[in-house]
């Protein structure tokens, strides 16, 4: 069993949003089209392509940045730390009087970024474990996830 308390900050949420967005087809496609427009501008000398490419490349990260800041400031879930407990049955989350549990069999996937371990509880919802806040429990969290989830669902780099 592993227990830890985590307070999600705007940077943690932004890291999750970037990873989630750019691992999807639409995020990758938008970046590819933006880059191609910039390259096309270099070949043709048409500045409109540079502008269009820059908009495609920078609009999405900027809006995700703003959205992560707004959510942390306005959503009450981010005001207090969340208490996580990972055990043989799954993930137990509590904050104040509210408690929920999700079984390992219901987890969609587990991934990592340089900043976080992300445990997807649905296609769009996830639990974020910031590496800085896990400290020496990082290895125990990764081990617990790796033991209880099928290997094809776990893509965590240490």
C-alpha atoms as a PDB file:
ATOM      1  CA  UNK A   1       0.000   0.000   0.000  1.00  0.00           C
ATOM      2  CA  UNK A   2       1.225   3.490  -0.896  1.00  0.00           C
ATOM      3  CA  UNK A   3      -0.276   6.692   0.520  1.00  0.00           C
ATOM      4  CA  UNK A   4       0.506  10.251  -0.459  1.00  0.00           C
ATOM      5  CA  UNK A   5      -0.970  13.741  -0.435  1.00  0.00           C
ATOM      6  CA  UNK A   6      -0.845  15.823  -3.590  1.00  0.00           C
ATOM      7  CA  UNK A   7      -1.812  19.407  -4.295  1.00  0.00           C
ATOM      8  CA  UNK A   8      -2.210  19.904  -8.026  1.00  0.00           C
ATOM      9  CA  UNK A   9      -0.850  23.212  -9.254  1.00  0.00           C
ATOM     10  CA  UNK A  10      -1.344  25.000 -12.564  1.00  0.00           C
ATOM     11  CA  UNK A  11       1.990  23.692 -13.874  1.00  0.00           C
ATOM     12  CA  UNK A  12       1.016  20.099 -13.086  1.00  0.00           C
ATOM     13  CA  UNK A  13      -2.333  20.509 -14.815  1.00  0.00           C
ATOM     14  CA  UNK A  14      -0.696  22.212 -17.816  1.00  0.00           C
ATOM     15  CA  UNK A  15       1.781  19.325 -18.136  1.00  0.00           C
ATOM     16  CA  UNK A  16      -1.126  16.855 -18.192  1.00  0.00           C
ATOM     17  CA  UNK A  17      -3.087  18.922 -20.719  1.00  0.00           C
ATOM     18  CA  UNK A  18      -0.099  19.197 -23.068  1.00  0.00           C
ATOM     19  CA  UNK A  19       0.617  15.477 -22.899  1.00  0.00           C
ATOM     20  CA  UNK A  20      -3.028  14.567 -23.372  1.00  0.00           C
ATOM     21  CA  UNK A  21      -3.529  16.957 -26.289  1.00  0.00           C
ATOM     22  CA  UNK A  22      -0.322  16.227 -28.178  1.00  0.00           C
ATOM     23  CA  UNK A  23      -0.689  12.471 -27.866  1.00  0.00           C
ATOM     24  CA  UNK A  24      -3.943  12.676 -29.821  1.00  0.00           C
ATOM     25  CA  UNK A  25      -4.292  12.753 -33.593  1.00  0.00           C
ATOM     26  CA  UNK A  26      -5.728  16.277 -33.693  1.00  0.00           C
ATOM     27  CA  UNK A  27      -2.905  17.729 -31.591  1.00  0.00           C
ATOM     28  CA  UNK A  28      -0.215  16.097 -33.706  1.00  0.00           C
ATOM     29  CA  UNK A  29      -1.976  16.981 -36.962  1.00  0.00           C
ATOM     30  CA  UNK A  30      -2.322  20.651 -35.996  1.00  0.00           C
ATOM     31  CA  UNK A  31       1.380  20.851 -35.142  1.00  0.00           C
ATOM     32  CA  UNK A  32       2.371  19.126 -38.361  1.00  0.00           C
ATOM     33  CA  UNK A  33       0.245  21.479 -40.485  1.00  0.00           C
ATOM     34  CA  UNK A  34       1.635  24.502 -38.609  1.00  0.00           C
ATOM     35  CA  UNK A  35       5.220  23.367 -39.190  1.00  0.00           C
ATOM     36  CA  UNK A  36       4.516  22.669 -42.861  1.00  0.00           C
ATOM     37  CA  UNK A  37       3.069  26.163 -43.292  1.00  0.00           C
ATOM     38  CA  UNK A  38       6.224  27.703 -41.819  1.00  0.00           C
ATOM     39  CA  UNK A  39       8.399  25.601 -44.165  1.00  0.00           C
ATOM     40  CA  UNK A  40       6.158  26.567 -47.096  1.00  0.00           C
ATOM     41  CA  UNK A  41       6.649  30.225 -46.186  1.00  0.00           C
ATOM     42  CA  UNK A  42      10.421  29.760 -46.301  1.00  0.00           C
ATOM     43  CA  UNK A  43      10.187  28.333 -49.825  1.00  0.00           C
ATOM     44  CA  UNK A  44       7.618  30.743 -51.235  1.00  0.00           C
ATOM     45  CA  UNK A  45       8.440  33.907 -49.328  1.00  0.00           C
ATOM     46  CA  UNK A  46       4.754  34.383 -48.484  1.00  0.00           C
ATOM     47  CA  UNK A  47       4.515  35.777 -44.941  1.00  0.00           C
ATOM     48  CA  UNK A  48       0.877  34.797 -44.623  1.00  0.00           C
ATOM     49  CA  UNK A  49       2.038  31.171 -44.314  1.00  0.00           C
ATOM     50  CA  UNK A  50       4.373  32.121 -41.443  1.00  0.00           C
ATOM     51  CA  UNK A  51       1.504  33.828 -39.645  1.00  0.00           C
ATOM     52  CA  UNK A  52      -0.886  30.922 -40.217  1.00  0.00           C
ATOM     53  CA  UNK A  53       1.774  28.390 -39.148  1.00  0.00           C
ATOM     54  CA  UNK A  54       2.642  30.378 -36.012  1.00  0.00           C
ATOM     55  CA  UNK A  55      -1.022  30.596 -35.060  1.00  0.00           C
ATOM     56  CA  UNK A  56      -1.401  26.816 -35.433  1.00  0.00           C
ATOM     57  CA  UNK A  57       1.803  26.107 -33.506  1.00  0.00           C
ATOM     58  CA  UNK A  58       1.318  28.536 -30.618  1.00  0.00           C
ATOM     59  CA  UNK A  59      -2.440  28.927 -30.177  1.00  0.00           C
ATOM     60  CA  UNK A  60      -3.094  25.532 -28.606  1.00  0.00           C
ATOM     61  CA  UNK A  61      -0.275  25.580 -26.018  1.00  0.00           C
ATOM     62  CA  UNK A  62      -1.206  29.137 -25.057  1.00  0.00           C
ATOM     63  CA  UNK A  63      -4.898  28.324 -24.594  1.00  0.00           C
ATOM     64  CA  UNK A  64      -3.999  25.213 -22.573  1.00  0.00           C
ATOM     65  CA  UNK A  65      -1.752  27.369 -20.389  1.00  0.00           C
ATOM     66  CA  UNK A  66      -4.564  29.866 -19.753  1.00  0.00           C
ATOM     67  CA  UNK A  67      -7.107  27.081 -19.165  1.00  0.00           C
ATOM     68  CA  UNK A  68      -4.878  25.314 -16.626  1.00  0.00           C
ATOM     69  CA  UNK A  69      -4.409  28.551 -14.666  1.00  0.00           C
ATOM     70  CA  UNK A  70      -8.157  29.277 -14.706  1.00  0.00           C
ATOM     71  CA  UNK A  71      -9.080  25.766 -13.576  1.00  0.00           C
ATOM     72  CA  UNK A  72      -6.653  25.824 -10.650  1.00  0.00           C
ATOM     73  CA  UNK A  73      -7.977  29.206  -9.540  1.00  0.00           C
ATOM     74  CA  UNK A  74     -11.693  28.452  -9.919  1.00  0.00           C
ATOM     75  CA  UNK A  75     -12.147  24.707  -9.310  1.00  0.00           C
ATOM     76  CA  UNK A  76     -12.520  23.879  -5.592  1.00  0.00           C
ATOM     77  CA  UNK A  77     -10.866  20.455  -6.105  1.00  0.00           C
ATOM     78  CA  UNK A  78      -7.524  22.197  -6.606  1.00  0.00           C
ATOM     79  CA  UNK A  79      -7.762  24.307  -3.435  1.00  0.00           C
ATOM     80  CA  UNK A  80      -6.841  21.520  -1.006  1.00  0.00           C
ATOM     81  CA  UNK A  81      -4.502  18.527  -1.281  1.00  0.00           C
ATOM     82  CA  UNK A  82      -5.906  15.209  -2.453  1.00  0.00           C
ATOM     83  CA  UNK A  83      -5.097  12.097  -0.427  1.00  0.00           C
ATOM     84  CA  UNK A  84      -4.274   9.061  -2.559  1.00  0.00           C
ATOM     85  CA  UNK A  85      -3.985   5.474  -1.446  1.00  0.00           C
ATOM     86  CA  UNK A  86      -2.928   2.776  -3.886  1.00  0.00           C
ATOM     87  CA  UNK A  87      -3.522  -0.775  -2.695  1.00  0.00           C
ATOM     88  CA  UNK A  88      -4.366  -4.237  -4.029  1.00  0.00           C
ATOM     89  CA  UNK A  89      -7.914  -3.171  -4.995  1.00  0.00           C
ATOM     90  CA  UNK A  90      -7.044   0.057  -6.817  1.00  0.00           C
ATOM     91  CA  UNK A  91      -6.820   3.783  -6.271  1.00  0.00           C
ATOM     92  CA  UNK A  92      -8.634   5.464  -3.388  1.00  0.00           C
ATOM     93  CA  UNK A  93      -8.959   9.252  -3.510  1.00  0.00           C
ATOM     94  CA  UNK A  94     -10.175  11.418  -0.665  1.00  0.00           C
ATOM     95  CA  UNK A  95     -10.449  15.126  -0.040  1.00  0.00           C
ATOM     96  CA  UNK A  96     -12.225  16.362   3.044  1.00  0.00           C
ATOM     97  CA  UNK A  97     -15.400  14.309   3.437  1.00  0.00           C
ATOM     98  CA  UNK A  98     -15.489  13.103  -0.197  1.00  0.00           C
ATOM     99  CA  UNK A  99     -14.030   9.689  -1.010  1.00  0.00           C
ATOM    100  CA  UNK A 100     -13.956   7.657  -4.209  1.00  0.00           C
ATOM    101  CA  UNK A 101     -12.316   4.439  -5.343  1.00  0.00           C
ATOM    102  CA  UNK A 102     -11.393   3.079  -8.743  1.00  0.00           C
ATOM    103  CA  UNK A 103     -10.413  -0.549  -9.285  1.00  0.00           C
ATOM    104  CA  UNK A 104      -7.293  -1.465 -11.213  1.00  0.00           C
ATOM    105  CA  UNK A 105      -9.410  -3.214 -13.834  1.00  0.00           C
ATOM    106  CA  UNK A 106     -11.158   0.104 -14.574  1.00  0.00           C
ATOM    107  CA  UNK A 107      -7.927   2.022 -15.253  1.00  0.00           C
ATOM    108  CA  UNK A 108      -7.476   2.911 -18.908  1.00  0.00           C
ATOM    109  CA  UNK A 109      -3.713   3.491 -19.044  1.00  0.00           C
ATOM    110  CA  UNK A 110      -0.727   4.882 -17.177  1.00  0.00           C
ATOM    111  CA  UNK A 111       1.812   7.221 -18.796  1.00  0.00           C
ATOM    112  CA  UNK A 112       4.564   9.537 -17.687  1.00  0.00           C
ATOM    113  CA  UNK A 113       6.042  12.882 -18.537  1.00  0.00           C
ATOM    114  CA  UNK A 114       9.209  14.396 -17.174  1.00  0.00           C
ATOM    115  CA  UNK A 115       7.090  16.089 -14.546  1.00  0.00           C
ATOM    116  CA  UNK A 116       4.326  13.577 -13.654  1.00  0.00           C
ATOM    117  CA  UNK A 117       2.967  10.056 -13.582  1.00  0.00           C
ATOM    118  CA  UNK A 118      -0.527  10.140 -15.094  1.00  0.00           C
ATOM    119  CA  UNK A 119      -3.063   7.415 -14.371  1.00  0.00           C
ATOM    120  CA  UNK A 120      -6.054   7.591 -16.726  1.00  0.00           C
ATOM    121  CA  UNK A 121      -9.321   6.637 -15.058  1.00  0.00           C
ATOM    122  CA  UNK A 122     -11.256   7.192 -18.310  1.00  0.00           C
ATOM    123  CA  UNK A 123     -10.377   8.345 -21.832  1.00  0.00           C
ATOM    124  CA  UNK A 124     -10.325  11.993 -20.732  1.00  0.00           C
ATOM    125  CA  UNK A 125     -10.017  11.919 -16.921  1.00  0.00           C
ATOM    126  CA  UNK A 126      -6.818  11.202 -15.094  1.00  0.00           C
ATOM    127  CA  UNK A 127      -5.118  11.259 -11.755  1.00  0.00           C
ATOM    128  CA  UNK A 128      -1.912  13.285 -11.771  1.00  0.00           C
ATOM    129  CA  UNK A 129       0.995  12.354  -9.514  1.00  0.00           C
ATOM    130  CA  UNK A 130       3.584  15.167  -9.748  1.00  0.00           C
ATOM    131  CA  UNK A 131       7.070  13.685  -9.353  1.00  0.00           C
ATOM    132  CA  UNK A 132       8.220  16.536  -7.075  1.00  0.00           C
ATOM    133  CA  UNK A 133       5.433  15.822  -4.599  1.00  0.00           C
ATOM    134  CA  UNK A 134       5.871  12.046  -4.658  1.00  0.00           C
ATOM    135  CA  UNK A 135       9.511  12.324  -3.649  1.00  0.00           C
ATOM    136  CA  UNK A 136      10.894   8.977  -2.493  1.00  0.00           C
ATOM    137  CA  UNK A 137       7.518   7.301  -3.086  1.00  0.00           C
ATOM    138  CA  UNK A 138       7.831   7.632  -6.876  1.00  0.00           C
ATOM    139  CA  UNK A 139       9.296   4.142  -7.309  1.00  0.00           C
ATOM    140  CA  UNK A 140       6.615   2.617  -5.036  1.00  0.00           C
ATOM    141  CA  UNK A 141       3.802   4.298  -7.032  1.00  0.00           C
ATOM    142  CA  UNK A 142       5.280   3.114 -10.353  1.00  0.00           C
ATOM    143  CA  UNK A 143       5.717  -0.394  -8.964  1.00  0.00           C
ATOM    144  CA  UNK A 144       2.134  -0.521  -7.670  1.00  0.00           C
ATOM    145  CA  UNK A 145       0.785   0.608 -11.065  1.00  0.00           C
ATOM    146  CA  UNK A 146       3.036  -1.791 -12.992  1.00  0.00           C
ATOM    147  CA  UNK A 147       2.078  -4.791 -10.836  1.00  0.00           C
ATOM    148  CA  UNK A 148      -1.677  -4.261 -11.046  1.00  0.00           C
ATOM    149  CA  UNK A 149      -2.164  -3.070 -14.626  1.00  0.00           C
ATOM    150  CA  UNK A 150      -1.511  -5.040 -17.813  1.00  0.00           C
ATOM    151  CA  UNK A 151       1.890  -4.162 -19.346  1.00  0.00           C
ATOM    152  CA  UNK A 152       0.277  -2.950 -22.589  1.00  0.00           C
ATOM    153  CA  UNK A 153      -1.538  -0.221 -20.609  1.00  0.00           C
ATOM    154  CA  UNK A 154       1.585   1.047 -18.812  1.00  0.00           C
ATOM    155  CA  UNK A 155       3.943   3.429 -20.598  1.00  0.00           C
ATOM    156  CA  UNK A 156       5.935   4.918 -17.737  1.00  0.00           C
ATOM    157  CA  UNK A 157       9.518   6.071 -18.150  1.00  0.00           C
ATOM    158  CA  UNK A 158      11.467   6.487 -14.928  1.00  0.00           C
END
